[in-house]
N, C-alpha and C. Protein backbone atom coordinates (compact mmCIF):
# COMPACT_ATOMS: atom_id res chain seq x y z
N MET A 1 8.61 -38.11 -21.79
CA MET A 1 7.78 -38.03 -20.60
C MET A 1 6.56 -38.90 -20.77
N TYR A 2 6.10 -39.40 -19.67
CA TYR A 2 4.90 -40.20 -19.65
C TYR A 2 3.68 -39.30 -19.57
N PRO A 3 2.54 -39.74 -20.09
CA PRO A 3 1.33 -38.91 -20.06
C PRO A 3 0.96 -38.47 -18.64
N LYS A 4 1.16 -39.34 -17.64
CA LYS A 4 0.83 -38.99 -16.26
C LYS A 4 1.71 -37.83 -15.78
N GLN A 5 3.00 -37.84 -16.14
CA GLN A 5 3.90 -36.77 -15.74
C GLN A 5 3.52 -35.46 -16.42
N ILE A 6 3.14 -35.52 -17.67
CA ILE A 6 2.73 -34.33 -18.39
C ILE A 6 1.48 -33.74 -17.73
N LEU A 7 0.54 -34.60 -17.36
CA LEU A 7 -0.68 -34.14 -16.70
C LEU A 7 -0.36 -33.47 -15.36
N VAL A 8 0.55 -34.05 -14.58
CA VAL A 8 0.93 -33.47 -13.30
C VAL A 8 1.60 -32.12 -13.51
N ILE A 9 2.52 -32.02 -14.47
CA ILE A 9 3.20 -30.76 -14.75
C ILE A 9 2.20 -29.71 -15.22
N ALA A 10 1.26 -30.09 -16.08
CA ALA A 10 0.24 -29.16 -16.56
C ALA A 10 -0.63 -28.68 -15.40
N PHE A 11 -1.00 -29.61 -14.51
CA PHE A 11 -1.82 -29.24 -13.35
C PHE A 11 -1.08 -28.26 -12.45
N LEU A 12 0.21 -28.54 -12.17
CA LEU A 12 1.00 -27.66 -11.32
C LEU A 12 1.16 -26.28 -11.94
N ALA A 13 1.40 -26.25 -13.24
CA ALA A 13 1.55 -24.95 -13.92
C ALA A 13 0.24 -24.16 -13.85
N LEU A 14 -0.88 -24.82 -14.10
CA LEU A 14 -2.19 -24.15 -14.05
C LEU A 14 -2.50 -23.68 -12.63
N THR A 15 -2.22 -24.53 -11.64
CA THR A 15 -2.47 -24.16 -10.24
C THR A 15 -1.62 -22.96 -9.85
N THR A 16 -0.34 -22.98 -10.21
CA THR A 16 0.55 -21.87 -9.89
C THR A 16 0.07 -20.60 -10.56
N PHE A 17 -0.32 -20.69 -11.84
CA PHE A 17 -0.79 -19.52 -12.57
C PHE A 17 -2.08 -18.99 -11.94
N THR A 18 -3.01 -19.89 -11.62
CA THR A 18 -4.29 -19.48 -11.02
C THR A 18 -4.06 -18.84 -9.67
N PHE A 19 -3.19 -19.44 -8.84
CA PHE A 19 -2.89 -18.87 -7.52
C PHE A 19 -2.26 -17.49 -7.69
N ALA A 20 -1.30 -17.38 -8.60
CA ALA A 20 -0.64 -16.09 -8.79
C ALA A 20 -1.63 -15.04 -9.25
N GLN A 21 -2.53 -15.41 -10.16
CA GLN A 21 -3.51 -14.45 -10.64
C GLN A 21 -4.44 -14.02 -9.51
N SER A 22 -4.92 -14.99 -8.70
CA SER A 22 -5.84 -14.61 -7.63
C SER A 22 -5.10 -13.85 -6.54
N ALA A 23 -3.87 -14.23 -6.25
CA ALA A 23 -3.10 -13.49 -5.24
C ALA A 23 -2.87 -12.07 -5.72
N GLY A 24 -2.59 -11.92 -7.00
CA GLY A 24 -2.31 -10.59 -7.52
C GLY A 24 -3.52 -9.69 -7.57
N THR A 25 -4.68 -10.23 -7.84
CA THR A 25 -5.84 -9.36 -7.99
C THR A 25 -6.72 -9.29 -6.76
N ASN A 26 -6.61 -10.20 -5.81
CA ASN A 26 -7.53 -10.21 -4.68
C ASN A 26 -6.97 -9.57 -3.40
N ASN A 27 -5.69 -9.51 -3.23
CA ASN A 27 -5.15 -9.00 -1.98
C ASN A 27 -5.55 -7.57 -1.68
N PHE A 28 -5.66 -6.75 -2.68
CA PHE A 28 -6.02 -5.35 -2.49
C PHE A 28 -7.50 -5.09 -2.77
N GLY A 29 -8.27 -6.13 -3.03
CA GLY A 29 -9.67 -5.97 -3.43
C GLY A 29 -10.47 -5.05 -2.54
N TRP A 30 -10.32 -5.18 -1.24
CA TRP A 30 -11.12 -4.37 -0.32
C TRP A 30 -10.65 -2.91 -0.27
N LEU A 31 -9.48 -2.61 -0.81
CA LEU A 31 -8.99 -1.23 -0.82
C LEU A 31 -9.31 -0.50 -2.12
N MET A 32 -9.79 -1.22 -3.12
CA MET A 32 -10.08 -0.60 -4.40
C MET A 32 -11.17 0.45 -4.25
N GLY A 33 -10.99 1.58 -4.92
CA GLY A 33 -11.99 2.63 -4.90
C GLY A 33 -11.44 3.91 -4.32
N ALA A 34 -12.36 4.82 -4.00
CA ALA A 34 -12.01 6.14 -3.48
C ALA A 34 -12.33 6.21 -1.99
N TRP A 35 -11.44 6.86 -1.25
CA TRP A 35 -11.55 6.97 0.20
C TRP A 35 -11.35 8.42 0.63
N LYS A 36 -12.02 8.79 1.72
CA LYS A 36 -11.85 10.13 2.29
C LYS A 36 -11.60 9.95 3.78
N GLY A 37 -10.62 10.69 4.29
CA GLY A 37 -10.31 10.49 5.70
C GLY A 37 -9.79 11.71 6.40
N GLU A 38 -9.66 11.54 7.72
CA GLU A 38 -9.07 12.55 8.58
C GLU A 38 -8.13 11.84 9.55
N GLY A 39 -7.07 12.54 9.93
CA GLY A 39 -6.14 11.92 10.84
C GLY A 39 -5.29 12.95 11.54
N ASP A 40 -4.37 12.44 12.36
CA ASP A 40 -3.46 13.35 13.02
C ASP A 40 -2.10 12.69 13.16
N GLY A 41 -1.13 13.52 13.46
CA GLY A 41 0.23 13.04 13.60
C GLY A 41 1.18 14.21 13.66
N THR A 42 2.45 13.95 13.38
CA THR A 42 3.48 14.98 13.50
C THR A 42 3.18 16.23 12.66
N PRO A 43 2.66 16.11 11.41
CA PRO A 43 2.37 17.36 10.69
C PRO A 43 1.18 18.10 11.29
N GLY A 44 0.36 17.45 12.12
CA GLY A 44 -0.83 18.08 12.69
C GLY A 44 -2.07 17.35 12.25
N ASN A 45 -3.25 17.90 12.59
CA ASN A 45 -4.51 17.31 12.14
C ASN A 45 -4.70 17.65 10.68
N GLY A 46 -5.11 16.65 9.92
CA GLY A 46 -5.27 16.89 8.49
C GLY A 46 -6.41 16.09 7.93
N SER A 47 -6.66 16.29 6.65
CA SER A 47 -7.68 15.53 5.94
C SER A 47 -7.14 15.22 4.55
N GLY A 48 -7.75 14.24 3.93
CA GLY A 48 -7.27 13.89 2.61
C GLY A 48 -8.12 12.85 1.93
N THR A 49 -7.71 12.53 0.73
CA THR A 49 -8.37 11.51 -0.07
C THR A 49 -7.31 10.62 -0.68
N PHE A 50 -7.70 9.39 -0.99
CA PHE A 50 -6.83 8.52 -1.76
C PHE A 50 -7.67 7.54 -2.56
N THR A 51 -7.10 7.06 -3.64
CA THR A 51 -7.77 6.08 -4.49
C THR A 51 -6.82 4.93 -4.77
N PHE A 52 -7.39 3.75 -4.90
CA PHE A 52 -6.68 2.58 -5.39
C PHE A 52 -7.41 2.11 -6.63
N ALA A 53 -6.66 1.89 -7.72
CA ALA A 53 -7.27 1.45 -8.97
C ALA A 53 -6.33 0.51 -9.71
N TYR A 54 -6.91 -0.51 -10.33
CA TYR A 54 -6.13 -1.38 -11.20
C TYR A 54 -5.78 -0.63 -12.47
N ASP A 55 -4.64 -0.99 -13.07
CA ASP A 55 -4.24 -0.40 -14.33
C ASP A 55 -3.47 -1.45 -15.13
N LEU A 56 -3.28 -1.18 -16.40
CA LEU A 56 -2.52 -2.07 -17.31
C LEU A 56 -3.05 -3.49 -17.24
N ASP A 57 -4.36 -3.64 -17.49
CA ASP A 57 -5.00 -4.96 -17.47
C ASP A 57 -4.80 -5.69 -16.15
N LYS A 58 -4.90 -4.96 -15.05
CA LYS A 58 -4.76 -5.48 -13.68
C LYS A 58 -3.36 -6.02 -13.38
N LYS A 59 -2.38 -5.53 -14.12
CA LYS A 59 -0.99 -5.94 -13.86
C LYS A 59 -0.35 -5.06 -12.78
N VAL A 60 -0.88 -3.85 -12.59
CA VAL A 60 -0.42 -2.95 -11.53
C VAL A 60 -1.63 -2.32 -10.85
N ILE A 61 -1.38 -1.80 -9.67
CA ILE A 61 -2.37 -1.02 -8.94
C ILE A 61 -1.74 0.35 -8.71
N THR A 62 -2.52 1.40 -8.94
CA THR A 62 -2.01 2.73 -8.63
C THR A 62 -2.78 3.28 -7.44
N ARG A 63 -2.04 3.91 -6.56
CA ARG A 63 -2.66 4.65 -5.45
C ARG A 63 -2.25 6.10 -5.61
N LYS A 64 -3.25 6.97 -5.63
CA LYS A 64 -3.00 8.41 -5.66
C LYS A 64 -3.59 8.99 -4.39
N ALA A 65 -2.83 9.88 -3.74
CA ALA A 65 -3.29 10.46 -2.48
C ALA A 65 -3.06 11.96 -2.45
N HIS A 66 -3.96 12.64 -1.76
CA HIS A 66 -3.86 14.09 -1.57
C HIS A 66 -4.23 14.38 -0.11
N SER A 67 -3.35 15.07 0.60
CA SER A 67 -3.59 15.42 2.01
C SER A 67 -3.34 16.91 2.20
N GLU A 68 -4.10 17.48 3.14
CA GLU A 68 -3.89 18.88 3.50
C GLU A 68 -3.85 19.01 5.01
N TYR A 69 -2.85 19.74 5.49
CA TYR A 69 -2.70 20.03 6.91
C TYR A 69 -2.81 21.54 7.05
N PRO A 70 -3.84 22.02 7.76
CA PRO A 70 -4.07 23.47 7.83
C PRO A 70 -2.91 24.24 8.46
N ALA A 71 -2.83 25.49 8.09
CA ALA A 71 -1.80 26.37 8.66
C ALA A 71 -2.09 26.59 10.14
N THR A 72 -1.03 26.76 10.90
CA THR A 72 -1.13 27.10 12.32
C THR A 72 -0.33 28.38 12.53
N ASP A 73 -0.23 28.81 13.78
CA ASP A 73 0.54 30.03 14.08
C ASP A 73 1.99 29.90 13.66
N ASN A 74 2.56 28.71 13.79
CA ASN A 74 3.99 28.54 13.45
C ASN A 74 4.25 27.71 12.19
N LYS A 75 3.20 27.23 11.52
CA LYS A 75 3.41 26.42 10.31
C LYS A 75 2.47 26.87 9.20
N PRO A 76 2.98 26.89 7.96
CA PRO A 76 2.10 27.22 6.83
C PRO A 76 1.25 25.99 6.45
N LEU A 77 0.28 26.21 5.60
CA LEU A 77 -0.52 25.12 5.04
C LEU A 77 0.41 24.11 4.38
N ILE A 78 0.19 22.83 4.64
CA ILE A 78 0.97 21.77 4.00
C ILE A 78 0.05 21.00 3.07
N ILE A 79 0.44 20.89 1.80
CA ILE A 79 -0.29 20.08 0.83
C ILE A 79 0.65 18.97 0.39
N HIS A 80 0.16 17.74 0.50
CA HIS A 80 0.97 16.58 0.17
C HIS A 80 0.24 15.76 -0.89
N ASP A 81 0.90 15.51 -2.02
CA ASP A 81 0.38 14.66 -3.07
C ASP A 81 1.37 13.54 -3.32
N ASP A 82 0.84 12.32 -3.55
CA ASP A 82 1.75 11.22 -3.86
C ASP A 82 1.12 10.21 -4.81
N LEU A 83 1.98 9.41 -5.37
CA LEU A 83 1.61 8.35 -6.29
C LEU A 83 2.39 7.11 -5.91
N MET A 84 1.69 5.99 -5.83
CA MET A 84 2.35 4.72 -5.57
C MET A 84 1.92 3.73 -6.66
N VAL A 85 2.88 2.99 -7.17
CA VAL A 85 2.60 1.94 -8.14
C VAL A 85 2.92 0.62 -7.45
N ILE A 86 1.92 -0.24 -7.35
CA ILE A 86 2.05 -1.54 -6.72
C ILE A 86 2.12 -2.56 -7.84
N TYR A 87 3.11 -3.44 -7.77
CA TYR A 87 3.31 -4.35 -8.88
C TYR A 87 3.61 -5.77 -8.39
N ALA A 88 3.48 -6.70 -9.29
CA ALA A 88 3.61 -8.12 -8.96
C ALA A 88 5.06 -8.58 -9.02
N ASP A 89 5.34 -9.57 -8.19
CA ASP A 89 6.65 -10.23 -8.27
C ASP A 89 6.56 -11.31 -9.34
N ASN A 90 7.56 -12.17 -9.42
CA ASN A 90 7.59 -13.19 -10.49
C ASN A 90 6.53 -14.27 -10.32
N THR A 91 5.82 -14.31 -9.17
CA THR A 91 4.73 -15.28 -9.01
C THR A 91 3.39 -14.68 -9.41
N GLY A 92 3.35 -13.38 -9.65
CA GLY A 92 2.11 -12.71 -9.99
C GLY A 92 1.41 -12.08 -8.80
N ALA A 93 1.98 -12.23 -7.60
CA ALA A 93 1.38 -11.63 -6.40
C ALA A 93 1.89 -10.20 -6.23
N PHE A 94 1.01 -9.33 -5.77
CA PHE A 94 1.37 -7.94 -5.53
C PHE A 94 2.19 -7.85 -4.24
N THR A 95 3.51 -7.86 -4.37
CA THR A 95 4.40 -7.85 -3.20
C THR A 95 5.42 -6.71 -3.23
N LYS A 96 5.33 -5.84 -4.22
CA LYS A 96 6.29 -4.74 -4.36
C LYS A 96 5.55 -3.45 -4.68
N ALA A 97 6.14 -2.32 -4.26
CA ALA A 97 5.57 -1.02 -4.58
C ALA A 97 6.68 0.01 -4.63
N ILE A 98 6.44 1.05 -5.41
CA ILE A 98 7.33 2.20 -5.44
C ILE A 98 6.46 3.45 -5.27
N TYR A 99 6.95 4.37 -4.43
CA TYR A 99 6.20 5.54 -4.01
C TYR A 99 6.95 6.81 -4.41
N PHE A 100 6.20 7.82 -4.87
CA PHE A 100 6.76 9.12 -5.22
C PHE A 100 5.86 10.20 -4.62
N ASP A 101 6.44 11.32 -4.18
CA ASP A 101 5.59 12.41 -3.70
C ASP A 101 6.10 13.77 -4.18
N ASN A 102 5.30 14.81 -3.92
CA ASN A 102 5.62 16.16 -4.38
C ASN A 102 6.74 16.81 -3.57
N GLU A 103 7.26 16.11 -2.57
CA GLU A 103 8.41 16.60 -1.81
C GLU A 103 9.72 16.02 -2.34
N GLY A 104 9.61 15.16 -3.36
CA GLY A 104 10.80 14.57 -3.95
C GLY A 104 11.22 13.23 -3.36
N HIS A 105 10.39 12.64 -2.50
CA HIS A 105 10.73 11.34 -1.91
C HIS A 105 10.39 10.20 -2.86
N THR A 106 11.21 9.18 -2.82
CA THR A 106 10.95 7.92 -3.51
C THR A 106 11.21 6.82 -2.49
N ILE A 107 10.24 5.91 -2.34
CA ILE A 107 10.37 4.81 -1.39
C ILE A 107 10.03 3.51 -2.09
N ASN A 108 10.90 2.52 -1.95
CA ASN A 108 10.62 1.16 -2.44
C ASN A 108 10.11 0.33 -1.27
N TYR A 109 8.99 -0.36 -1.49
CA TYR A 109 8.36 -1.15 -0.44
C TYR A 109 8.27 -2.63 -0.82
N SER A 110 8.30 -3.48 0.20
CA SER A 110 7.89 -4.89 0.08
C SER A 110 6.57 -4.98 0.82
N ILE A 111 5.68 -5.84 0.32
CA ILE A 111 4.32 -5.92 0.85
C ILE A 111 4.07 -7.29 1.45
N THR A 112 3.46 -7.29 2.65
CA THR A 112 3.00 -8.54 3.28
C THR A 112 1.54 -8.36 3.64
N TYR A 113 0.89 -9.48 3.88
CA TYR A 113 -0.54 -9.48 4.15
C TYR A 113 -0.82 -10.20 5.46
N ALA A 114 -1.72 -9.62 6.26
CA ALA A 114 -2.22 -10.26 7.47
C ALA A 114 -3.72 -10.46 7.26
N ASP A 115 -4.40 -10.95 8.28
CA ASP A 115 -5.82 -11.26 8.16
C ASP A 115 -6.62 -10.11 7.57
N LYS A 116 -6.58 -8.94 8.18
CA LYS A 116 -7.33 -7.79 7.69
C LYS A 116 -6.42 -6.59 7.49
N ALA A 117 -5.17 -6.85 7.14
CA ALA A 117 -4.22 -5.75 6.99
C ALA A 117 -3.27 -5.99 5.82
N ILE A 118 -2.84 -4.90 5.23
CA ILE A 118 -1.81 -4.90 4.20
C ILE A 118 -0.68 -4.03 4.74
N VAL A 119 0.53 -4.58 4.79
CA VAL A 119 1.66 -3.87 5.38
C VAL A 119 2.73 -3.66 4.32
N LEU A 120 3.12 -2.41 4.13
CA LEU A 120 4.20 -2.05 3.21
C LEU A 120 5.39 -1.62 4.05
N LEU A 121 6.52 -2.28 3.87
CA LEU A 121 7.73 -1.99 4.63
C LEU A 121 8.82 -1.57 3.65
N SER A 122 9.42 -0.41 3.91
CA SER A 122 10.43 0.09 2.98
C SER A 122 11.70 -0.73 3.05
N ASP A 123 12.43 -0.73 1.96
CA ASP A 123 13.73 -1.39 1.91
C ASP A 123 14.68 -0.62 2.82
N LYS A 124 15.53 -1.35 3.54
CA LYS A 124 16.53 -0.70 4.39
C LYS A 124 17.63 -0.12 3.51
N MET A 125 17.97 1.14 3.81
CA MET A 125 19.03 1.83 3.07
C MET A 125 19.92 2.54 4.08
N PRO A 126 21.22 2.63 3.81
CA PRO A 126 22.12 3.30 4.75
C PRO A 126 21.71 4.76 4.99
N ASN A 127 21.76 5.18 6.25
CA ASN A 127 21.48 6.56 6.66
C ASN A 127 20.07 7.04 6.32
N MET A 128 19.14 6.11 6.20
CA MET A 128 17.75 6.46 5.90
C MET A 128 16.84 5.77 6.91
N PRO A 129 15.74 6.42 7.29
CA PRO A 129 14.79 5.73 8.17
C PRO A 129 14.09 4.60 7.40
N VAL A 130 13.51 3.69 8.15
CA VAL A 130 12.68 2.63 7.58
C VAL A 130 11.24 3.08 7.77
N PHE A 131 10.43 2.92 6.73
CA PHE A 131 9.04 3.34 6.76
C PHE A 131 8.13 2.13 6.72
N LYS A 132 7.02 2.24 7.45
CA LYS A 132 6.00 1.19 7.43
C LYS A 132 4.64 1.84 7.23
N LEU A 133 3.92 1.38 6.22
CA LEU A 133 2.59 1.88 5.90
C LEU A 133 1.63 0.71 6.03
N THR A 134 0.64 0.84 6.93
CA THR A 134 -0.29 -0.26 7.18
C THR A 134 -1.72 0.19 6.94
N TYR A 135 -2.44 -0.60 6.13
CA TYR A 135 -3.86 -0.41 5.92
C TYR A 135 -4.56 -1.55 6.65
N THR A 136 -5.47 -1.20 7.57
CA THR A 136 -6.20 -2.21 8.33
C THR A 136 -7.69 -2.03 8.08
N LEU A 137 -8.34 -3.08 7.64
CA LEU A 137 -9.78 -3.04 7.38
C LEU A 137 -10.51 -3.09 8.72
N LEU A 138 -11.29 -2.06 9.02
CA LEU A 138 -12.06 -2.02 10.26
C LEU A 138 -13.46 -2.56 10.06
N ASP A 139 -14.08 -2.22 8.93
CA ASP A 139 -15.35 -2.80 8.48
C ASP A 139 -15.41 -2.58 6.97
N ASN A 140 -16.50 -2.95 6.33
CA ASN A 140 -16.56 -2.89 4.86
C ASN A 140 -16.40 -1.49 4.29
N GLU A 141 -16.63 -0.46 5.10
CA GLU A 141 -16.56 0.91 4.62
C GLU A 141 -15.50 1.76 5.31
N THR A 142 -14.71 1.16 6.22
CA THR A 142 -13.75 1.95 7.00
C THR A 142 -12.40 1.25 7.04
N VAL A 143 -11.35 2.04 6.83
CA VAL A 143 -9.99 1.53 6.90
C VAL A 143 -9.16 2.46 7.78
N ASN A 144 -8.25 1.88 8.55
CA ASN A 144 -7.29 2.67 9.31
C ASN A 144 -5.97 2.66 8.55
N THR A 145 -5.37 3.84 8.39
CA THR A 145 -4.08 3.96 7.72
C THR A 145 -3.09 4.49 8.73
N LYS A 146 -1.96 3.79 8.85
CA LYS A 146 -0.92 4.20 9.79
C LYS A 146 0.41 4.24 9.05
N PHE A 147 1.09 5.40 9.14
CA PHE A 147 2.42 5.56 8.55
C PHE A 147 3.40 5.71 9.70
N GLU A 148 4.38 4.79 9.77
CA GLU A 148 5.34 4.77 10.87
C GLU A 148 6.75 4.91 10.34
N MET A 149 7.65 5.33 11.23
CA MET A 149 9.06 5.47 10.89
C MET A 149 9.90 4.80 11.97
N SER A 150 11.12 4.39 11.57
CA SER A 150 12.04 3.75 12.50
C SER A 150 13.47 4.05 12.07
N LYS A 151 14.35 4.20 13.05
CA LYS A 151 15.78 4.37 12.74
C LYS A 151 16.43 3.02 12.45
N ASP A 152 15.94 1.97 13.13
CA ASP A 152 16.59 0.66 13.03
C ASP A 152 15.75 -0.42 12.34
N GLY A 153 14.52 -0.10 11.97
CA GLY A 153 13.65 -1.09 11.35
C GLY A 153 12.98 -2.01 12.35
N VAL A 154 13.16 -1.75 13.65
CA VAL A 154 12.56 -2.57 14.71
C VAL A 154 11.60 -1.74 15.55
N ALA A 155 12.08 -0.65 16.10
CA ALA A 155 11.27 0.22 16.96
C ALA A 155 10.66 1.33 16.10
N PHE A 156 9.36 1.25 15.84
CA PHE A 156 8.67 2.22 15.00
C PHE A 156 7.88 3.20 15.85
N PHE A 157 7.75 4.44 15.37
CA PHE A 157 6.85 5.40 15.99
C PHE A 157 5.88 5.88 14.92
N THR A 158 4.66 6.17 15.34
CA THR A 158 3.61 6.62 14.42
C THR A 158 3.86 8.07 14.04
N TYR A 159 3.92 8.31 12.73
CA TYR A 159 4.09 9.65 12.20
C TYR A 159 2.73 10.26 11.87
N VAL A 160 1.88 9.48 11.20
CA VAL A 160 0.54 9.91 10.84
C VAL A 160 -0.37 8.69 10.92
N GLU A 161 -1.58 8.89 11.44
CA GLU A 161 -2.56 7.81 11.50
C GLU A 161 -3.96 8.40 11.36
N GLY A 162 -4.84 7.69 10.67
CA GLY A 162 -6.21 8.17 10.55
C GLY A 162 -7.13 7.13 9.96
N LYS A 163 -8.42 7.37 10.13
CA LYS A 163 -9.45 6.49 9.59
C LYS A 163 -10.03 7.13 8.32
N SER A 164 -10.35 6.27 7.36
CA SER A 164 -10.93 6.74 6.11
C SER A 164 -12.20 5.95 5.83
N THR A 165 -13.13 6.62 5.15
CA THR A 165 -14.40 6.01 4.78
C THR A 165 -14.44 5.88 3.26
N LYS A 166 -14.97 4.76 2.80
CA LYS A 166 -15.07 4.53 1.36
C LYS A 166 -16.12 5.46 0.77
N VAL A 167 -15.72 6.16 -0.29
CA VAL A 167 -16.61 7.11 -0.96
C VAL A 167 -17.30 6.42 -2.14
N LYS A 168 -16.52 5.62 -2.88
CA LYS A 168 -17.08 4.84 -4.01
C LYS A 168 -16.17 3.72 -4.38
């Protein structure tokens, strides 16, 4: 190889690595920390908290959430806890996630990014609904979270939606 070709290859490798590192650590930057919110949807009006934190030397992001929906005349108190691990693809960008909850659900997500939103869309599986989880930045201290479901992956309906305020 000629020195010029080596320099170009080194530059491309460094650029790709730098882009992957920044894509992996910056996409969720505004969601990092602890949040408290209230919302409503099919389970009823509820409140909850969630946190986003880097782990394993910023190679993964963990989201832990806790929600409570008060008892009504026909429904008991509902407590929902979940854990999501967000991880990088082979470019280093955070584009994949796996979700677990205390009801026994496991959901695999692909992640896309819009101007002020992060969208997690579940993998299509036979005889299973498609899930969409969207975080939209409203201002520096407020985020809207919307969890939607679909039978076909095209027509979604809102299951739960609410605004959260950054606690720390």
